[in-house]
């Protein structure tokens, strides 16, 4: 069994920055892919950014140039550096992970990010 624990959410003013962290623990042989998703009230959960174990990254168009995803394989941890935050970034952010030899994805509990104008 695997557990994902997120941290780093909070309340910031527009233009500010936050760094989210997600640490995975449990029966992990190797990581295939990890990512961040977000969901605002009444909205669908959408992908924000993903990263493979080899370091390949993808971003939603709305966050390109502002957010950076990174991974520390030795610590089984993924990060999301969020700069130039906008009110429309306000959402609950969820960590997602796919592991080798696991048939299902894993999700964190979510961490709230609120950006005030």
PDB file of N, CA and C in Angstrom:
ATOM      1  N   UNK A   1       0.827  -1.175   0.000  1.00  0.00           N
ATOM      2  CA  UNK A   1       0.000   0.000   0.000  1.00  0.00           C
ATOM      3  C   UNK A   1       0.881   1.251   0.000  1.00  0.00           C
ATOM      4  N   UNK A   2       0.385   2.314  -0.652  1.00  0.00           N
ATOM      5  CA  UNK A   2       1.121   3.560  -0.786  1.00  0.00           C
ATOM      6  C   UNK A   2       0.303   4.703  -0.207  1.00  0.00           C
ATOM      7  N   UNK A   3       0.992   5.632   0.437  1.00  0.00           N
ATOM      8  CA  UNK A   3       0.357   6.833   0.956  1.00  0.00           C
ATOM      9  C   UNK A   3       1.041   8.064   0.377  1.00  0.00           C
ATOM     10  N   UNK A   4       0.246   9.056  -0.031  1.00  0.00           N
ATOM     11  CA  UNK A   4       0.754  10.328  -0.516  1.00  0.00           C
ATOM     12  C   UNK A   4       0.357  11.414   0.466  1.00  0.00           C
ATOM     13  N   UNK A   5       1.328  12.205   0.908  1.00  0.00           N
ATOM     14  CA  UNK A   5       1.083  13.270   1.875  1.00  0.00           C
ATOM     15  C   UNK A   5       1.515  14.595   1.274  1.00  0.00           C
ATOM     16  N   UNK A   6       0.561  15.525   1.137  1.00  0.00           N
ATOM     17  CA  UNK A   6       0.814  16.836   0.560  1.00  0.00           C
ATOM     18  C   UNK A   6       1.023  17.879   1.645  1.00  0.00           C
ATOM     19  N   UNK A   7       1.770  18.914   1.315  1.00  0.00           N
ATOM     20  CA  UNK A   7       1.970  20.034   2.219  1.00  0.00           C
ATOM     21  C   UNK A   7       2.300  21.279   1.400  1.00  0.00           C
ATOM     22  N   UNK A   8       2.177  22.446   2.022  1.00  0.00           N
ATOM     23  CA  UNK A   8       2.598  23.688   1.401  1.00  0.00           C
ATOM     24  C   UNK A   8       1.493  24.618   0.954  1.00  0.00           C
ATOM     25  N   UNK A   9       0.244  24.190   1.023  1.00  0.00           N
ATOM     26  CA  UNK A   9      -0.855  25.054   0.631  1.00  0.00           C
ATOM     27  C   UNK A   9      -1.057  26.181   1.622  1.00  0.00           C
ATOM     28  N   UNK A  10      -1.858  27.165   1.215  1.00  0.00           N
ATOM     29  CA  UNK A  10      -2.121  28.286   2.089  1.00  0.00           C
ATOM     30  C   UNK A  10      -2.785  29.432   1.368  1.00  0.00           C
ATOM     31  N   UNK A  11      -2.802  30.581   2.026  1.00  0.00           N
ATOM     32  CA  UNK A  11      -3.403  31.800   1.502  1.00  0.00           C
ATOM     33  C   UNK A  11      -2.309  32.786   1.133  1.00  0.00           C
ATOM     34  N   UNK A  12      -2.339  33.274  -0.103  1.00  0.00           N
ATOM     35  CA  UNK A  12      -1.362  34.249  -0.571  1.00  0.00           C
ATOM     36  C   UNK A  12      -2.060  35.323  -1.391  1.00  0.00           C
ATOM     37  N   UNK A  13      -1.402  36.466  -1.530  1.00  0.00           N
ATOM     38  CA  UNK A  13      -1.904  37.536  -2.373  1.00  0.00           C
ATOM     39  C   UNK A  13      -1.524  37.287  -3.827  1.00  0.00           C
ATOM     40  N   UNK A  14      -2.302  37.855  -4.737  1.00  0.00           N
ATOM     41  CA  UNK A  14      -1.979  37.764  -6.150  1.00  0.00           C
ATOM     42  C   UNK A  14      -0.557  38.249  -6.400  1.00  0.00           C
ATOM     43  N   UNK A  15       0.172  37.498  -7.229  1.00  0.00           N
ATOM     44  CA  UNK A  15       1.562  37.802  -7.496  1.00  0.00           C
ATOM     45  C   UNK A  15       2.537  37.088  -6.592  1.00  0.00           C
ATOM     46  N   UNK A  16       2.044  36.450  -5.552  1.00  0.00           N
ATOM     47  CA  UNK A  16       2.890  35.748  -4.614  1.00  0.00           C
ATOM     48  C   UNK A  16       3.247  34.346  -5.076  1.00  0.00           C
ATOM     49  N   UNK A  17       3.941  33.608  -4.200  1.00  0.00           N
ATOM     50  CA  UNK A  17       4.435  32.277  -4.536  1.00  0.00           C
ATOM     51  C   UNK A  17       4.141  31.278  -3.424  1.00  0.00           C
ATOM     52  N   UNK A  18       4.018  30.020  -3.812  1.00  0.00           N
ATOM     53  CA  UNK A  18       3.907  28.899  -2.893  1.00  0.00           C
ATOM     54  C   UNK A  18       4.655  27.719  -3.491  1.00  0.00           C
ATOM     55  N   UNK A  19       5.134  26.824  -2.635  1.00  0.00           N
ATOM     56  CA  UNK A  19       5.708  25.568  -3.089  1.00  0.00           C
ATOM     57  C   UNK A  19       4.982  24.415  -2.427  1.00  0.00           C
ATOM     58  N   UNK A  20       4.377  23.563  -3.235  1.00  0.00           N
ATOM     59  CA  UNK A  20       3.691  22.383  -2.755  1.00  0.00           C
ATOM     60  C   UNK A  20       4.628  21.184  -2.799  1.00  0.00           C
ATOM     61  N   UNK A  21       4.491  20.303  -1.817  1.00  0.00           N
ATOM     62  CA  UNK A  21       5.276  19.078  -1.758  1.00  0.00           C
ATOM     63  C   UNK A  21       4.353  17.885  -1.612  1.00  0.00           C
ATOM     64  N   UNK A  22       4.753  16.761  -2.184  1.00  0.00           N
ATOM     65  CA  UNK A  22       4.010  15.510  -2.055  1.00  0.00           C
ATOM     66  C   UNK A  22       5.000  14.380  -1.876  1.00  0.00           C
ATOM     67  N   UNK A  23       4.974  13.752  -0.717  1.00  0.00           N
ATOM     68  CA  UNK A  23       5.881  12.661  -0.400  1.00  0.00           C
ATOM     69  C   UNK A  23       5.135  11.333  -0.430  1.00  0.00           C
ATOM     70  N   UNK A  24       5.679  10.372  -1.157  1.00  0.00           N
ATOM     71  CA  UNK A  24       5.095   9.043  -1.257  1.00  0.00           C
ATOM     72  C   UNK A  24       5.849   8.072  -0.362  1.00  0.00           C
ATOM     73  N   UNK A  25       5.107   7.192   0.289  1.00  0.00           N
ATOM     74  CA  UNK A  25       5.724   6.174   1.132  1.00  0.00           C
ATOM     75  C   UNK A  25       4.949   4.871   1.008  1.00  0.00           C
ATOM     76  N   UNK A  26       5.622   3.756   1.287  1.00  0.00           N
ATOM     77  CA  UNK A  26       4.989   2.452   1.223  1.00  0.00           C
ATOM     78  C   UNK A  26       5.705   1.514   0.278  1.00  0.00           C
ATOM     79  N   UNK A  27       4.938   0.656  -0.364  1.00  0.00           N
ATOM     80  CA  UNK A  27       5.480  -0.390  -1.231  1.00  0.00           C
ATOM     81  C   UNK A  27       5.761   0.157  -2.621  1.00  0.00           C
ATOM     82  N   UNK A  28       6.884   0.849  -2.746  1.00  0.00           N
ATOM     83  CA  UNK A  28       7.270   1.489  -4.010  1.00  0.00           C
ATOM     84  C   UNK A  28       8.536   0.837  -4.534  1.00  0.00           C
ATOM     85  N   UNK A  29       8.439   0.268  -5.725  1.00  0.00           N
ATOM     86  CA  UNK A  29       9.625  -0.232  -6.401  1.00  0.00           C
ATOM     87  C   UNK A  29      10.260   0.873  -7.236  1.00  0.00           C
ATOM     88  N   UNK A  30       9.449   1.526  -8.049  1.00  0.00           N
ATOM     89  CA  UNK A  30       9.911   2.661  -8.829  1.00  0.00           C
ATOM     90  C   UNK A  30       8.710   3.506  -9.257  1.00  0.00           C
ATOM     91  N   UNK A  31       8.966   4.774  -9.495  1.00  0.00           N
ATOM     92  CA  UNK A  31       7.937   5.716  -9.918  1.00  0.00           C
ATOM     93  C   UNK A  31       7.903   5.790 -11.437  1.00  0.00           C
ATOM     94  N   UNK A  32       6.720   5.680 -11.996  1.00  0.00           N
ATOM     95  CA  UNK A  32       6.552   5.895 -13.431  1.00  0.00           C
ATOM     96  C   UNK A  32       6.255   7.361 -13.739  1.00  0.00           C
ATOM     97  N   UNK A  33       5.332   7.943 -12.976  1.00  0.00           N
ATOM     98  CA  UNK A  33       4.879   9.299 -13.243  1.00  0.00           C
ATOM     99  C   UNK A  33       4.225   9.882 -12.001  1.00  0.00           C
ATOM    100  N   UNK A  34       4.430  11.169 -11.761  1.00  0.00           N
ATOM    101  CA  UNK A  34       3.726  11.879 -10.708  1.00  0.00           C
ATOM    102  C   UNK A  34       3.228  13.201 -11.263  1.00  0.00           C
ATOM    103  N   UNK A  35       2.174  13.728 -10.648  1.00  0.00           N
ATOM    104  CA  UNK A  35       1.628  14.970 -11.152  1.00  0.00           C
ATOM    105  C   UNK A  35       0.767  15.692 -10.139  1.00  0.00           C
ATOM    106  N   UNK A  36       0.389  16.909 -10.522  1.00  0.00           N
ATOM    107  CA  UNK A  36      -0.495  17.740  -9.723  1.00  0.00           C
ATOM    108  C   UNK A  36      -1.756  18.049 -10.509  1.00  0.00           C
ATOM    109  N   UNK A  37      -2.896  17.946  -9.849  1.00  0.00           N
ATOM    110  CA  UNK A  37      -4.195  18.266 -10.404  1.00  0.00           C
ATOM    111  C   UNK A  37      -4.877  19.261  -9.476  1.00  0.00           C
ATOM    112  N   UNK A  38      -5.837  20.010 -10.009  1.00  0.00           N
ATOM    113  CA  UNK A  38      -6.552  20.954  -9.160  1.00  0.00           C
ATOM    114  C   UNK A  38      -8.038  20.954  -9.487  1.00  0.00           C
ATOM    115  N   UNK A  39      -8.826  21.313  -8.481  1.00  0.00           N
ATOM    116  CA  UNK A  39     -10.269  21.334  -8.616  1.00  0.00           C
ATOM    117  C   UNK A  39     -10.832  22.511  -7.833  1.00  0.00           C
ATOM    118  N   UNK A  40     -11.503  23.412  -8.535  1.00  0.00           N
ATOM    119  CA  UNK A  40     -12.183  24.538  -7.920  1.00  0.00           C
ATOM    120  C   UNK A  40     -13.635  24.147  -7.646  1.00  0.00           C
ATOM    121  N   UNK A  41     -14.309  24.843  -6.723  1.00  0.00           N
ATOM    122  CA  UNK A  41     -15.704  24.519  -6.417  1.00  0.00           C
ATOM    123  C   UNK A  41     -16.584  24.530  -7.666  1.00  0.00           C
ATOM    124  N   UNK A  42     -17.341  23.461  -7.868  1.00  0.00           N
ATOM    125  CA  UNK A  42     -18.226  23.355  -9.010  1.00  0.00           C
ATOM    126  C   UNK A  42     -17.545  23.067 -10.328  1.00  0.00           C
ATOM    127  N   UNK A  43     -16.227  22.803 -10.305  1.00  0.00           N
ATOM    128  CA  UNK A  43     -15.475  22.573 -11.524  1.00  0.00           C
ATOM    129  C   UNK A  43     -14.914  21.151 -11.571  1.00  0.00           C
ATOM    130  N   UNK A  44     -14.501  20.744 -12.749  1.00  0.00           N
ATOM    131  CA  UNK A  44     -13.882  19.445 -12.959  1.00  0.00           C
ATOM    132  C   UNK A  44     -12.442  19.454 -12.442  1.00  0.00           C
ATOM    133  N   UNK A  45     -11.960  18.284 -12.038  1.00  0.00           N
ATOM    134  CA  UNK A  45     -10.563  18.159 -11.652  1.00  0.00           C
ATOM    135  C   UNK A  45      -9.708  18.075 -12.915  1.00  0.00           C
ATOM    136  N   UNK A  46      -8.753  18.986 -13.059  1.00  0.00           N
ATOM    137  CA  UNK A  46      -7.934  19.078 -14.257  1.00  0.00           C
ATOM    138  C   UNK A  46      -6.453  18.951 -13.928  1.00  0.00           C
ATOM    139  N   UNK A  47      -5.699  18.450 -14.896  1.00  0.00           N
ATOM    140  CA  UNK A  47      -4.262  18.314 -14.718  1.00  0.00           C
ATOM    141  C   UNK A  47      -3.597  19.685 -14.747  1.00  0.00           C
ATOM    142  N   UNK A  48      -2.633  19.882 -13.864  1.00  0.00           N
ATOM    143  CA  UNK A  48      -1.835  21.099 -13.823  1.00  0.00           C
ATOM    144  C   UNK A  48      -0.460  20.852 -14.427  1.00  0.00           C
ATOM    145  N   UNK A  49       0.207  19.791 -13.963  1.00  0.00           N
ATOM    146  CA  UNK A  49       1.543  19.466 -14.434  1.00  0.00           C
ATOM    147  C   UNK A  49       1.856  18.017 -14.108  1.00  0.00           C
ATOM    148  N   UNK A  50       2.657  17.379 -14.947  1.00  0.00           N
ATOM    149  CA  UNK A  50       3.098  16.010 -14.699  1.00  0.00           C
ATOM    150  C   UNK A  50       4.591  15.904 -14.966  1.00  0.00           C
ATOM    151  N   UNK A  51       5.209  14.880 -14.363  1.00  0.00           N
ATOM    152  CA  UNK A  51       6.627  14.632 -14.566  1.00  0.00           C
ATOM    153  C   UNK A  51       6.881  13.132 -14.515  1.00  0.00           C
ATOM    154  N   UNK A  52       7.673  12.630 -15.439  1.00  0.00           N
ATOM    155  CA  UNK A  52       8.045  11.224 -15.451  1.00  0.00           C
ATOM    156  C   UNK A  52       9.283  11.013 -14.597  1.00  0.00           C
ATOM    157  N   UNK A  53       9.566   9.759 -14.289  1.00  0.00           N
ATOM    158  CA  UNK A  53      10.759   9.461 -13.498  1.00  0.00           C
ATOM    159  C   UNK A  53      12.034   9.871 -14.223  1.00  0.00           C
ATOM    160  N   UNK A  54      11.969   9.945 -15.552  1.00  0.00           N
ATOM    161  CA  UNK A  54      13.105  10.386 -16.334  1.00  0.00           C
ATOM    162  C   UNK A  54      13.242  11.890 -16.447  1.00  0.00           C
ATOM    163  N   UNK A  55      12.255  12.637 -15.933  1.00  0.00           N
ATOM    164  CA  UNK A  55      12.340  14.083 -15.900  1.00  0.00           C
ATOM    165  C   UNK A  55      11.550  14.820 -16.966  1.00  0.00           C
ATOM    166  N   UNK A  56      10.818  14.114 -17.816  1.00  0.00           N
ATOM    167  CA  UNK A  56       9.998  14.780 -18.826  1.00  0.00           C
ATOM    168  C   UNK A  56       8.792  15.444 -18.175  1.00  0.00           C
ATOM    169  N   UNK A  57       8.532  16.698 -18.519  1.00  0.00           N
ATOM    170  CA  UNK A  57       7.455  17.462 -17.895  1.00  0.00           C
ATOM    171  C   UNK A  57       6.429  17.930 -18.913  1.00  0.00           C
ATOM    172  N   UNK A  58       5.192  18.099 -18.442  1.00  0.00           N
ATOM    173  CA  UNK A  58       4.111  18.670 -19.224  1.00  0.00           C
ATOM    174  C   UNK A  58       3.305  19.600 -18.328  1.00  0.00           C
ATOM    175  N   UNK A  59       2.795  20.693 -18.913  1.00  0.00           N
ATOM    176  CA  UNK A  59       2.058  21.691 -18.162  1.00  0.00           C
ATOM    177  C   UNK A  59       0.771  22.067 -18.867  1.00  0.00           C
ATOM    178  N   UNK A  60      -0.239  22.392 -18.078  1.00  0.00           N
ATOM    179  CA  UNK A  60      -1.426  23.014 -18.631  1.00  0.00           C
ATOM    180  C   UNK A  60      -1.060  24.387 -19.172  1.00  0.00           C
ATOM    181  N   UNK A  61      -1.699  24.791 -20.264  1.00  0.00           N
ATOM    182  CA  UNK A  61      -1.384  26.077 -20.874  1.00  0.00           C
ATOM    183  C   UNK A  61      -1.551  27.239 -19.892  1.00  0.00           C
ATOM    184  N   UNK A  62      -2.500  27.132 -18.987  1.00  0.00           N
ATOM    185  CA  UNK A  62      -2.803  28.214 -18.073  1.00  0.00           C
ATOM    186  C   UNK A  62      -1.704  28.482 -17.047  1.00  0.00           C
ATOM    187  N   UNK A  63      -0.778  27.531 -16.865  1.00  0.00           N
ATOM    188  CA  UNK A  63       0.268  27.699 -15.855  1.00  0.00           C
ATOM    189  C   UNK A  63       1.668  27.730 -16.442  1.00  0.00           C
ATOM    190  N   UNK A  64       1.807  27.551 -17.737  1.00  0.00           N
ATOM    191  CA  UNK A  64       3.131  27.558 -18.367  1.00  0.00           C
ATOM    192  C   UNK A  64       3.834  28.886 -18.114  1.00  0.00           C
ATOM    193  N   UNK A  65       5.096  28.797 -17.739  1.00  0.00           N
ATOM    194  CA  UNK A  65       5.880  29.979 -17.454  1.00  0.00           C
ATOM    195  C   UNK A  65       5.760  30.472 -16.034  1.00  0.00           C
ATOM    196  N   UNK A  66       4.798  29.960 -15.278  1.00  0.00           N
ATOM    197  CA  UNK A  66       4.593  30.383 -13.893  1.00  0.00           C
ATOM    198  C   UNK A  66       4.850  29.259 -12.892  1.00  0.00           C
ATOM    199  N   UNK A  67       4.490  28.026 -13.250  1.00  0.00           N
ATOM    200  CA  UNK A  67       4.647  26.881 -12.355  1.00  0.00           C
ATOM    201  C   UNK A  67       5.776  25.989 -12.854  1.00  0.00           C
ATOM    202  N   UNK A  68       6.455  25.324 -11.921  1.00  0.00           N
ATOM    203  CA  UNK A  68       7.504  24.379 -12.247  1.00  0.00           C
ATOM    204  C   UNK A  68       7.341  23.119 -11.410  1.00  0.00           C
ATOM    205  N   UNK A  69       7.282  21.964 -12.072  1.00  0.00           N
ATOM    206  CA  UNK A  69       7.193  20.695 -11.370  1.00  0.00           C
ATOM    207  C   UNK A  69       8.568  20.040 -11.354  1.00  0.00           C
ATOM    208  N   UNK A  70       8.909  19.394 -10.258  1.00  0.00           N
ATOM    209  CA  UNK A  70      10.186  18.707 -10.142  1.00  0.00           C
ATOM    210  C   UNK A  70      10.018  17.480  -9.258  1.00  0.00           C
ATOM    211  N   UNK A  71      10.986  16.571  -9.321  1.00  0.00           N
ATOM    212  CA  UNK A  71      10.911  15.331  -8.562  1.00  0.00           C
ATOM    213  C   UNK A  71      12.265  14.990  -7.962  1.00  0.00           C
ATOM    214  N   UNK A  72      12.239  14.497  -6.734  1.00  0.00           N
ATOM    215  CA  UNK A  72      13.409  13.956  -6.077  1.00  0.00           C
ATOM    216  C   UNK A  72      13.163  12.453  -5.944  1.00  0.00           C
ATOM    217  N   UNK A  73      13.747  11.672  -6.837  1.00  0.00           N
ATOM    218  CA  UNK A  73      13.501  10.232  -6.854  1.00  0.00           C
ATOM    219  C   UNK A  73      13.982   9.545  -5.578  1.00  0.00           C
ATOM    220  N   UNK A  74      15.092  10.001  -5.028  1.00  0.00           N
ATOM    221  CA  UNK A  74      15.632   9.393  -3.818  1.00  0.00           C
ATOM    222  C   UNK A  74      14.679   9.546  -2.637  1.00  0.00           C
ATOM    223  N   UNK A  75      13.916  10.635  -2.621  1.00  0.00           N
ATOM    224  CA  UNK A  75      12.976  10.898  -1.533  1.00  0.00           C
ATOM    225  C   UNK A  75      11.539  10.546  -1.890  1.00  0.00           C
ATOM    226  N   UNK A  76      11.308  10.066  -3.113  1.00  0.00           N
ATOM    227  CA  UNK A  76       9.950   9.771  -3.592  1.00  0.00           C
ATOM    228  C   UNK A  76       9.021  10.963  -3.384  1.00  0.00           C
ATOM    229  N   UNK A  77       9.502  12.127  -3.774  1.00  0.00           N
ATOM    230  CA  UNK A  77       8.779  13.369  -3.526  1.00  0.00           C
ATOM    231  C   UNK A  77       8.690  14.198  -4.801  1.00  0.00           C
ATOM    232  N   UNK A  78       7.520  14.778  -5.030  1.00  0.00           N
ATOM    233  CA  UNK A  78       7.315  15.682  -6.149  1.00  0.00           C
ATOM    234  C   UNK A  78       6.962  17.060  -5.602  1.00  0.00           C
ATOM    235  N   UNK A  79       7.393  18.110  -6.312  1.00  0.00           N
ATOM    236  CA  UNK A  79       7.173  19.478  -5.882  1.00  0.00           C
ATOM    237  C   UNK A  79       6.475  20.264  -6.978  1.00  0.00           C
ATOM    238  N   UNK A  80       5.763  21.296  -6.581  1.00  0.00           N
ATOM    239  CA  UNK A  80       5.188  22.241  -7.525  1.00  0.00           C
ATOM    240  C   UNK A  80       5.498  23.646  -7.035  1.00  0.00           C
ATOM    241  N   UNK A  81       6.414  24.320  -7.717  1.00  0.00           N
ATOM    242  CA  UNK A  81       6.726  25.710  -7.417  1.00  0.00           C
ATOM    243  C   UNK A  81       5.754  26.587  -8.183  1.00  0.00           C
ATOM    244  N   UNK A  82       5.007  27.407  -7.465  1.00  0.00           N
ATOM    245  CA  UNK A  82       3.952  28.223  -8.041  1.00  0.00           C
ATOM    246  C   UNK A  82       4.314  29.691  -7.856  1.00  0.00           C
ATOM    247  N   UNK A  83       4.606  30.372  -8.954  1.00  0.00           N
ATOM    248  CA  UNK A  83       4.962  31.785  -8.931  1.00  0.00           C
ATOM    249  C   UNK A  83       3.910  32.609  -9.660  1.00  0.00           C
ATOM    250  N   UNK A  84       3.925  33.918  -9.419  1.00  0.00           N
ATOM    251  CA  UNK A  84       2.996  34.842 -10.069  1.00  0.00           C
ATOM    252  C   UNK A  84       1.562  34.350  -9.971  1.00  0.00           C
ATOM    253  N   UNK A  85       1.155  33.975  -8.779  1.00  0.00           N
ATOM    254  CA  UNK A  85      -0.161  33.380  -8.582  1.00  0.00           C
ATOM    255  C   UNK A  85      -1.279  34.373  -8.887  1.00  0.00           C
ATOM    256  N   UNK A  86      -2.356  33.839  -9.450  1.00  0.00           N
ATOM    257  CA  UNK A  86      -3.532  34.607  -9.820  1.00  0.00           C
ATOM    258  C   UNK A  86      -4.749  34.095  -9.054  1.00  0.00           C
ATOM    259  N   UNK A  87      -5.770  34.928  -8.864  1.00  0.00           N
ATOM    260  CA  UNK A  87      -6.978  34.453  -8.182  1.00  0.00           C
ATOM    261  C   UNK A  87      -7.581  33.209  -8.829  1.00  0.00           C
ATOM    262  N   UNK A  88      -7.472  33.079 -10.147  1.00  0.00           N
ATOM    263  CA  UNK A  88      -8.019  31.912 -10.820  1.00  0.00           C
ATOM    264  C   UNK A  88      -7.248  30.624 -10.539  1.00  0.00           C
ATOM    265  N   UNK A  89      -6.106  30.720  -9.865  1.00  0.00           N
ATOM    266  CA  UNK A  89      -5.377  29.534  -9.425  1.00  0.00           C
ATOM    267  C   UNK A  89      -5.971  28.943  -8.145  1.00  0.00           C
ATOM    268  N   UNK A  90      -6.894  29.646  -7.528  1.00  0.00           N
ATOM    269  CA  UNK A  90      -7.518  29.169  -6.296  1.00  0.00           C
ATOM    270  C   UNK A  90      -8.225  27.840  -6.541  1.00  0.00           C
ATOM    271  N   UNK A  91      -7.857  26.824  -5.762  1.00  0.00           N
ATOM    272  CA  UNK A  91      -8.411  25.483  -5.931  1.00  0.00           C
ATOM    273  C   UNK A  91      -7.835  24.570  -4.862  1.00  0.00           C
ATOM    274  N   UNK A  92      -8.388  23.362  -4.791  1.00  0.00           N
ATOM    275  CA  UNK A  92      -7.754  22.303  -4.029  1.00  0.00           C
ATOM    276  C   UNK A  92      -6.802  21.566  -4.962  1.00  0.00           C
ATOM    277  N   UNK A  93      -5.560  21.421  -4.553  1.00  0.00           N
ATOM    278  CA  UNK A  93      -4.539  20.781  -5.371  1.00  0.00           C
ATOM    279  C   UNK A  93      -4.284  19.370  -4.866  1.00  0.00           C
ATOM    280  N   UNK A  94      -4.295  18.409  -5.796  1.00  0.00           N
ATOM    281  CA  UNK A  94      -4.145  17.002  -5.468  1.00  0.00           C
ATOM    282  C   UNK A  94      -2.901  16.421  -6.128  1.00  0.00           C
ATOM    283  N   UNK A  95      -2.174  15.634  -5.378  1.00  0.00           N
ATOM    284  CA  UNK A  95      -1.028  14.895  -5.893  1.00  0.00           C
ATOM    285  C   UNK A  95      -1.494  13.552  -6.430  1.00  0.00           C
ATOM    286  N   UNK A  96      -0.941  13.136  -7.562  1.00  0.00           N
ATOM    287  CA  UNK A  96      -1.246  11.850  -8.179  1.00  0.00           C
ATOM    288  C   UNK A  96       0.048  11.118  -8.491  1.00  0.00           C
ATOM    289  N   UNK A  97       0.022   9.790  -8.338  1.00  0.00           N
ATOM    290  CA  UNK A  97       1.220   9.005  -8.614  1.00  0.00           C
ATOM    291  C   UNK A  97       0.870   7.688  -9.269  1.00  0.00           C
ATOM    292  N   UNK A  98       1.728   7.268 -10.191  1.00  0.00           N
ATOM    293  CA  UNK A  98       1.644   5.966 -10.845  1.00  0.00           C
ATOM    294  C   UNK A  98       2.973   5.260 -10.621  1.00  0.00           C
ATOM    295  N   UNK A  99       2.893   4.022 -10.120  1.00  0.00           N
ATOM    296  CA  UNK A  99       4.093   3.273  -9.764  1.00  0.00           C
ATOM    297  C   UNK A  99       4.209   1.995 -10.569  1.00  0.00           C
ATOM    298  N   UNK A 100       5.428   1.560 -10.784  1.00  0.00           N
ATOM    299  CA  UNK A 100       5.666   0.280 -11.430  1.00  0.00           C
ATOM    300  C   UNK A 100       5.074  -0.846 -10.586  1.00  0.00           C
ATOM    301  N   UNK A 101       4.429  -1.801 -11.262  1.00  0.00           N
ATOM    302  CA  UNK A 101       3.846  -2.991 -10.633  1.00  0.00           C
ATOM    303  C   UNK A 101       2.610  -2.695  -9.782  1.00  0.00           C
ATOM    304  N   UNK A 102       2.023  -1.516  -9.941  1.00  0.00           N
ATOM    305  CA  UNK A 102       0.748  -1.189  -9.305  1.00  0.00           C
ATOM    306  C   UNK A 102      -0.300  -0.997 -10.393  1.00  0.00           C
ATOM    307  N   UNK A 103      -1.465  -1.610 -10.198  1.00  0.00           N
ATOM    308  CA  UNK A 103      -2.513  -1.553 -11.206  1.00  0.00           C
ATOM    309  C   UNK A 103      -3.404  -0.321 -11.091  1.00  0.00           C
ATOM    310  N   UNK A 104      -3.255   0.455 -10.026  1.00  0.00           N
ATOM    311  CA  UNK A 104      -4.085   1.621  -9.792  1.00  0.00           C
ATOM    312  C   UNK A 104      -3.230   2.855  -9.540  1.00  0.00           C
ATOM    313  N   UNK A 105      -3.852   4.031  -9.733  1.00  0.00           N
ATOM    314  CA  UNK A 105      -3.234   5.296  -9.359  1.00  0.00           C
ATOM    315  C   UNK A 105      -3.462   5.560  -7.878  1.00  0.00           C
ATOM    316  N   UNK A 106      -2.642   6.454  -7.316  1.00  0.00           N
ATOM    317  CA  UNK A 106      -2.821   6.889  -5.941  1.00  0.00           C
ATOM    318  C   UNK A 106      -3.004   8.392  -5.906  1.00  0.00           C
ATOM    319  N   UNK A 107      -3.832   8.854  -4.969  1.00  0.00           N
ATOM    320  CA  UNK A 107      -4.131  10.269  -4.796  1.00  0.00           C
ATOM    321  C   UNK A 107      -3.874  10.709  -3.364  1.00  0.00           C
ATOM    322  N   UNK A 108      -3.411  11.940  -3.213  1.00  0.00           N
ATOM    323  CA  UNK A 108      -3.300  12.541  -1.903  1.00  0.00           C
ATOM    324  C   UNK A 108      -4.633  13.088  -1.438  1.00  0.00           C
ATOM    325  N   UNK A 109      -4.671  13.587  -0.211  1.00  0.00           N
ATOM    326  CA  UNK A 109      -5.894  14.124   0.366  1.00  0.00           C
ATOM    327  C   UNK A 109      -6.272  15.487  -0.210  1.00  0.00           C
ATOM    328  N   UNK A 110      -5.317  16.202  -0.758  1.00  0.00           N
ATOM    329  CA  UNK A 110      -5.541  17.526  -1.300  1.00  0.00           C
ATOM    330  C   UNK A 110      -5.090  18.609  -0.340  1.00  0.00           C
ATOM    331  N   UNK A 111      -4.606  19.702  -0.887  1.00  0.00           N
ATOM    332  CA  UNK A 111      -4.217  20.857  -0.089  1.00  0.00           C
ATOM    333  C   UNK A 111      -4.798  22.117  -0.724  1.00  0.00           C
ATOM    334  N   UNK A 112      -5.338  22.995   0.110  1.00  0.00           N
ATOM    335  CA  UNK A 112      -6.047  24.174  -0.381  1.00  0.00           C
ATOM    336  C   UNK A 112      -5.078  25.305  -0.697  1.00  0.00           C
ATOM    337  N   UNK A 113      -5.242  25.885  -1.875  1.00  0.00           N
ATOM    338  CA  UNK A 113      -4.506  27.075  -2.282  1.00  0.00           C
ATOM    339  C   UNK A 113      -5.516  28.173  -2.565  1.00  0.00           C
ATOM    340  N   UNK A 114      -5.390  29.290  -1.857  1.00  0.00           N
ATOM    341  CA  UNK A 114      -6.284  30.420  -2.044  1.00  0.00           C
ATOM    342  C   UNK A 114      -5.464  31.661  -2.373  1.00  0.00           C
ATOM    343  N   UNK A 115      -5.799  32.311  -3.478  1.00  0.00           N
ATOM    344  CA  UNK A 115      -5.089  33.500  -3.936  1.00  0.00           C
ATOM    345  C   UNK A 115      -6.051  34.678  -3.899  1.00  0.00           C
ATOM    346  N   UNK A 116      -5.740  35.671  -3.097  1.00  0.00           N
ATOM    347  CA  UNK A 116      -6.592  36.841  -2.957  1.00  0.00           C
ATOM    348  C   UNK A 116      -6.117  37.965  -3.876  1.00  0.00           C
ATOM    349  N   UNK A 117      -7.046  38.788  -4.330  1.00  0.00           N
ATOM    350  CA  UNK A 117      -6.728  39.901  -5.207  1.00  0.00           C
ATOM    351  C   UNK A 117      -6.552  41.189  -4.439  1.00  0.00           C
TER     352      UNK A 117
END
